[in-house]
Protein backbone atom coordinates (compact mmCIF):
# COMPACT_ATOMS: atom_id res chain seq x y z
CA MET A 1 138.19 114.47 116.19
CA GLU A 2 141.83 115.51 116.32
CA SER A 3 144.03 114.04 119.07
CA ILE A 4 146.12 116.45 121.16
CA ALA A 5 148.65 115.29 123.76
CA ILE A 6 149.01 117.48 126.84
CA CYS A 7 152.11 117.24 129.04
CA VAL A 8 152.24 118.64 132.57
CA VAL A 9 155.53 118.66 134.49
CA LEU A 10 155.58 119.26 138.26
CA VAL A 11 158.67 119.26 140.46
CA PHE A 12 158.14 118.51 144.16
CA GLY A 13 160.88 117.57 146.62
CA GLY A 14 163.19 115.99 144.08
CA LEU A 15 160.45 114.16 142.16
CA VAL A 16 159.38 114.99 138.64
CA PHE A 17 155.79 114.11 137.81
CA VAL A 18 154.90 113.95 134.15
CA ALA A 19 151.27 113.53 133.16
CA LEU A 20 150.33 112.82 129.57
CA ARG A 21 146.75 112.98 128.46
CA ASN A 22 145.17 112.40 125.13
CA SER A 23 142.42 114.97 124.73
CA ALA A 24 140.47 112.71 122.36
CA SER A 25 140.34 109.99 124.99
CA ASN A 26 137.22 109.57 127.10
CA SER A 27 139.29 108.71 130.17
CA LYS A 28 139.48 111.51 132.75
CA ALA A 29 142.48 110.02 134.60
CA PRO A 30 145.85 110.91 133.06
CA ALA A 31 148.66 108.40 132.90
CA ALA A 32 151.35 109.62 135.33
CA GLN A 33 154.97 108.75 135.65
CA ALA A 34 157.34 109.84 138.44
CA ARG A 35 161.12 110.00 138.24
CA LYS A 36 163.59 110.83 141.02
CA LEU A 37 165.99 113.68 140.18
CA PRO A 38 169.73 113.12 140.65
CA PRO A 39 171.23 114.80 143.75
CA ASN A 40 172.98 117.48 141.67
CA ALA A 41 169.89 118.40 139.67
CA VAL A 42 169.20 122.08 139.16
CA ASN A 43 166.20 123.34 141.08
CA ASN A 44 163.91 126.19 140.07
CA PHE A 45 166.30 128.84 141.48
CA GLY A 46 169.12 127.76 139.16
CA ASP A 47 171.33 126.45 141.94
CA SER A 48 172.12 122.92 143.04
CA PRO A 49 172.17 121.58 146.60
CA ASP A 50 175.98 121.28 146.43
CA ARG A 51 176.38 124.93 145.44
CA THR A 52 173.98 126.11 148.11
CA SER A 53 175.75 124.04 150.78
CA ARG A 54 179.13 125.53 149.79
CA LEU A 55 177.73 129.02 150.28
CA VAL A 56 176.09 127.97 153.58
CA ASP A 57 179.46 126.68 154.81
CA TRP A 58 181.15 129.93 153.77
CA ILE A 59 178.51 132.02 155.57
CA CYS A 60 178.84 129.89 158.72
CA ASP A 61 182.63 130.29 158.65
CA GLN A 62 182.34 134.06 158.18
CA ALA A 63 179.73 134.31 160.97
CA LEU A 64 182.00 132.30 163.27
CA ALA A 65 184.81 134.77 162.57
CA GLN A 66 182.51 137.78 163.16
CA THR A 67 180.48 136.60 166.15
CA SER A 68 182.49 133.69 167.63
CA ILE A 69 179.33 131.57 167.56
CA GLN A 70 179.09 128.26 165.67
CA LEU A 71 175.89 128.53 163.62
CA LYS A 72 176.14 125.05 162.08
CA ASN A 73 174.74 123.63 165.32
CA ASP A 74 171.74 125.98 165.42
CA SER A 75 168.93 124.57 163.25
CA LEU A 76 166.92 127.80 163.14
CA ALA A 77 169.96 129.86 162.12
CA LEU A 78 170.93 127.21 159.57
CA THR A 79 167.48 127.38 157.99
CA ARG A 80 167.74 131.17 157.67
CA ILE A 81 171.24 130.84 156.21
CA GLN A 82 170.06 128.28 153.64
CA GLU A 83 167.22 130.57 152.54
CA ALA A 84 169.62 133.52 152.29
CA SER A 85 172.08 131.39 150.30
CA LYS A 86 169.45 130.40 147.75
CA LYS A 87 168.34 134.01 147.37
CA CYS A 88 171.98 135.12 147.07
CA LEU A 89 172.74 132.61 144.31
CA GLU A 90 169.58 133.62 142.46
CA THR A 91 170.56 137.31 142.65
CA LEU A 92 174.14 136.62 141.55
CA GLN A 93 172.83 135.12 138.30
CA SER A 94 171.94 138.63 137.14
CA SER A 95 174.18 140.98 139.15
CA GLU A 96 177.83 141.26 140.16
CA SER A 97 177.24 141.39 143.92
CA THR A 98 174.60 141.07 146.58
CA GLU A 99 174.35 141.62 150.30
CA ILE A 100 173.42 139.00 152.86
CA ASP A 101 171.89 140.58 155.96
CA LEU A 102 170.78 138.27 158.77
CA PRO A 103 169.84 140.32 161.83
CA PHE A 104 169.38 138.48 165.12
CA ILE A 105 170.94 135.31 163.68
CA SER A 106 171.93 134.23 167.18
CA ALA A 107 172.51 135.51 170.70
CA ASP A 108 174.84 134.99 173.63
CA ALA A 109 175.27 136.50 177.09
CA SER A 110 176.35 139.83 175.60
CA GLY A 111 173.19 140.15 173.46
CA PRO A 112 171.91 139.44 169.95
CA LYS A 113 174.31 138.74 167.08
CA HIS A 114 173.86 139.93 163.52
CA PHE A 115 175.53 138.82 160.29
CA LYS A 116 176.06 141.04 157.29
CA ALA A 117 178.31 140.38 154.29
CA THR A 118 178.63 141.31 150.65
CA VAL A 119 179.05 138.41 148.26
CA THR A 120 180.40 139.05 144.78
CA ARG A 121 180.07 136.77 141.80
CA LYS A 122 183.87 136.25 141.87
CA MET A 123 183.77 135.21 145.56
CA ALA A 124 180.94 132.76 144.85
CA LYS A 125 182.92 131.26 141.96
CA ASP A 126 186.03 130.98 144.15
CA ILE A 127 184.18 128.92 146.78
CA GLY A 128 182.49 126.83 144.10
CA ALA A 129 178.99 128.17 144.60
CA LEU A 130 178.67 129.48 141.01
């Protein structure tokens, strides 16, 4: 019987799991090996944590200028900004510009605050996000 090696690679939370299995083997349990990714490793969206955090900082600075509210202290707003940053960087891989629209990002005594901005590929490169 011919031997075939099967390799399965899974990426979860910064860990790479590689399972190798010899199909001719009678053993059902694959041999697995885990390796921690370096902090600047590229994730499945094509962006690194450093690049995403630069865009998050830029968005927070722009939102502070627009709404006079510091969003870096608001964990819920920061989560939404991080998700929007990842999506933005993914979109900028194939287009020249994209729009970030975060309605109801925060609120103060005068009412809800919204954030909307257009990010171009050139702007992202200037801040070091691309």
